């Protein structure tokens, strides 16, 4: 059956073309939706990894913090030999002013 009497375009052809366009549009929208969900998940994972990295940085025992702790221990305990974290072959020794050593 032709759409118009003088045209050669069949009604079945129009339905097939419109149906195919609808299927392609729905597939494109579904793919875009899925891509958005994957991107959202990746963004969340990146944010969580960044937060975990900040926690590791703030909770790690760095060389400068270890050196400070060793010096504080040596100052609080005169004549105690404390290994220097920067070079374990060296010792930090603080003598009391009263003993002179």
C-alpha atoms as a PDB file:
ATOM      1  CA  UNK A   1       0.000   0.000   0.000  1.00  0.00           C
ATOM      2  CA  UNK A   2       1.472   3.344  -1.035  1.00  0.00           C
ATOM      3  CA  UNK A   3       1.346   6.384   1.234  1.00  0.00           C
ATOM      4  CA  UNK A   4       0.101   8.558  -1.586  1.00  0.00           C
ATOM      5  CA  UNK A   5      -1.487   7.226  -4.734  1.00  0.00           C
ATOM      6  CA  UNK A   6       1.195   8.667  -7.014  1.00  0.00           C
ATOM      7  CA  UNK A   7       4.245   7.791  -4.847  1.00  0.00           C
ATOM      8  CA  UNK A   8       6.249   4.578  -4.826  1.00  0.00           C
ATOM      9  CA  UNK A   9       6.994   4.727  -1.075  1.00  0.00           C
ATOM     10  CA  UNK A  10       5.307   1.880   0.722  1.00  0.00           C
ATOM     11  CA  UNK A  11       3.819   2.182   4.213  1.00  0.00           C
ATOM     12  CA  UNK A  12       5.874  -0.841   5.325  1.00  0.00           C
ATOM     13  CA  UNK A  13       9.081   0.916   4.323  1.00  0.00           C
ATOM     14  CA  UNK A  14       8.203   4.015   6.346  1.00  0.00           C
ATOM     15  CA  UNK A  15       7.342   1.885   9.403  1.00  0.00           C
ATOM     16  CA  UNK A  16      10.618  -0.037   9.054  1.00  0.00           C
ATOM     17  CA  UNK A  17      12.669   3.156   8.738  1.00  0.00           C
ATOM     18  CA  UNK A  18      10.939   4.895  11.668  1.00  0.00           C
ATOM     19  CA  UNK A  19      11.194   1.719  13.776  1.00  0.00           C
ATOM     20  CA  UNK A  20      14.885   1.396  12.988  1.00  0.00           C
ATOM     21  CA  UNK A  21      15.459   5.028  13.919  1.00  0.00           C
ATOM     22  CA  UNK A  22      13.640   4.481  17.230  1.00  0.00           C
ATOM     23  CA  UNK A  23      15.750   1.401  18.003  1.00  0.00           C
ATOM     24  CA  UNK A  24      18.952   3.302  17.229  1.00  0.00           C
ATOM     25  CA  UNK A  25      17.854   6.272  19.370  1.00  0.00           C
ATOM     26  CA  UNK A  26      16.926   4.056  22.319  1.00  0.00           C
ATOM     27  CA  UNK A  27      20.226   2.154  22.005  1.00  0.00           C
ATOM     28  CA  UNK A  28      22.169   5.419  21.908  1.00  0.00           C
ATOM     29  CA  UNK A  29      20.353   6.756  24.995  1.00  0.00           C
ATOM     30  CA  UNK A  30      20.929   3.464  26.838  1.00  0.00           C
ATOM     31  CA  UNK A  31      24.626   3.469  25.949  1.00  0.00           C
ATOM     32  CA  UNK A  32      24.991   7.080  27.020  1.00  0.00           C
ATOM     33  CA  UNK A  33      23.253   6.288  30.313  1.00  0.00           C
ATOM     34  CA  UNK A  34      25.553   3.327  30.924  1.00  0.00           C
ATOM     35  CA  UNK A  35      28.612   5.420  30.072  1.00  0.00           C
ATOM     36  CA  UNK A  36      27.482   8.102  32.532  1.00  0.00           C
ATOM     37  CA  UNK A  37      27.116   5.471  35.282  1.00  0.00           C
ATOM     38  CA  UNK A  38      30.598   4.080  34.580  1.00  0.00           C
ATOM     39  CA  UNK A  39      32.105   7.581  34.591  1.00  0.00           C
ATOM     40  CA  UNK A  40      30.353   8.378  37.885  1.00  0.00           C
ATOM     41  CA  UNK A  41      31.741   5.179  39.427  1.00  0.00           C
ATOM     42  CA  UNK A  42      35.239   6.016  38.196  1.00  0.00           C
ATOM     43  CA  UNK A  43      34.981   9.534  39.598  1.00  0.00           C
ATOM     44  CA  UNK A  44      33.900   8.161  42.977  1.00  0.00           C
ATOM     45  CA  UNK A  45      36.808   5.703  42.976  1.00  0.00           C
ATOM     46  CA  UNK A  46      39.296   8.470  42.130  1.00  0.00           C
ATOM     47  CA  UNK A  47      37.950  10.629  44.978  1.00  0.00           C
ATOM     48  CA  UNK A  48      38.228   7.684  47.404  1.00  0.00           C
ATOM     49  CA  UNK A  49      41.788   6.941  46.260  1.00  0.00           C
ATOM     50  CA  UNK A  50      42.721  10.597  46.700  1.00  0.00           C
ATOM     51  CA  UNK A  51      41.305  10.569  50.248  1.00  0.00           C
ATOM     52  CA  UNK A  52      43.178   7.341  51.030  1.00  0.00           C
ATOM     53  CA  UNK A  53      46.398   8.878  49.727  1.00  0.00           C
ATOM     54  CA  UNK A  54      45.911  11.923  51.950  1.00  0.00           C
ATOM     55  CA  UNK A  55      45.368   9.619  54.948  1.00  0.00           C
ATOM     56  CA  UNK A  56      48.560   7.717  54.177  1.00  0.00           C
ATOM     57  CA  UNK A  57      50.514  10.963  53.836  1.00  0.00           C
ATOM     58  CA  UNK A  58      49.197  12.349  57.120  1.00  0.00           C
ATOM     59  CA  UNK A  59      49.655   9.103  59.076  1.00  0.00           C
ATOM     60  CA  UNK A  60      53.054   8.067  57.747  1.00  0.00           C
ATOM     61  CA  UNK A  61      56.080   8.299  59.977  1.00  0.00           C
ATOM     62  CA  UNK A  62      58.412  10.444  57.880  1.00  0.00           C
ATOM     63  CA  UNK A  63      62.140  10.821  58.298  1.00  0.00           C
ATOM     64  CA  UNK A  64      61.778  14.387  59.547  1.00  0.00           C
ATOM     65  CA  UNK A  65      59.227  13.317  62.178  1.00  0.00           C
ATOM     66  CA  UNK A  66      61.488  10.429  63.233  1.00  0.00           C
ATOM     67  CA  UNK A  67      64.470  12.802  63.517  1.00  0.00           C
ATOM     68  CA  UNK A  68      62.440  15.224  65.611  1.00  0.00           C
ATOM     69  CA  UNK A  69      61.286  12.405  67.903  1.00  0.00           C
ATOM     70  CA  UNK A  70      64.850  11.129  68.314  1.00  0.00           C
ATOM     71  CA  UNK A  71      66.089  14.618  69.215  1.00  0.00           C
ATOM     72  CA  UNK A  72      63.243  15.116  71.698  1.00  0.00           C
ATOM     73  CA  UNK A  73      64.024  11.752  73.307  1.00  0.00           C
ATOM     74  CA  UNK A  74      67.702  12.679  73.579  1.00  0.00           C
ATOM     75  CA  UNK A  75      66.877  16.093  75.081  1.00  0.00           C
ATOM     76  CA  UNK A  76      64.498  14.605  77.638  1.00  0.00           C
ATOM     77  CA  UNK A  77      67.001  11.911  78.647  1.00  0.00           C
ATOM     78  CA  UNK A  78      70.495  13.392  78.926  1.00  0.00           C
ATOM     79  CA  UNK A  79      73.360  10.971  78.287  1.00  0.00           C
ATOM     80  CA  UNK A  80      71.022   8.533  76.546  1.00  0.00           C
ATOM     81  CA  UNK A  81      72.445   7.441  73.199  1.00  0.00           C
ATOM     82  CA  UNK A  82      69.702   7.658  70.561  1.00  0.00           C
ATOM     83  CA  UNK A  83      70.325   6.491  66.974  1.00  0.00           C
ATOM     84  CA  UNK A  84      69.946   9.230  64.376  1.00  0.00           C
ATOM     85  CA  UNK A  85      67.218   8.150  61.909  1.00  0.00           C
ATOM     86  CA  UNK A  86      68.947  10.049  59.089  1.00  0.00           C
ATOM     87  CA  UNK A  87      72.132   7.985  59.568  1.00  0.00           C
ATOM     88  CA  UNK A  88      71.777   5.003  61.933  1.00  0.00           C
ATOM     89  CA  UNK A  89      75.589   4.790  62.258  1.00  0.00           C
ATOM     90  CA  UNK A  90      75.550   8.087  64.180  1.00  0.00           C
ATOM     91  CA  UNK A  91      74.169   8.655  67.649  1.00  0.00           C
ATOM     92  CA  UNK A  92      72.449  11.671  69.143  1.00  0.00           C
ATOM     93  CA  UNK A  93      73.753  12.296  72.635  1.00  0.00           C
ATOM     94  CA  UNK A  94      72.793  15.283  74.754  1.00  0.00           C
ATOM     95  CA  UNK A  95      74.775  15.968  77.922  1.00  0.00           C
ATOM     96  CA  UNK A  96      73.433  17.733  80.903  1.00  0.00           C
ATOM     97  CA  UNK A  97      74.833  21.205  81.536  1.00  0.00           C
ATOM     98  CA  UNK A  98      75.478  20.229  85.149  1.00  0.00           C
ATOM     99  CA  UNK A  99      77.793  17.313  84.317  1.00  0.00           C
ATOM    100  CA  UNK A 100      79.622  19.032  81.470  1.00  0.00           C
ATOM    101  CA  UNK A 101      79.845  15.851  79.373  1.00  0.00           C
END
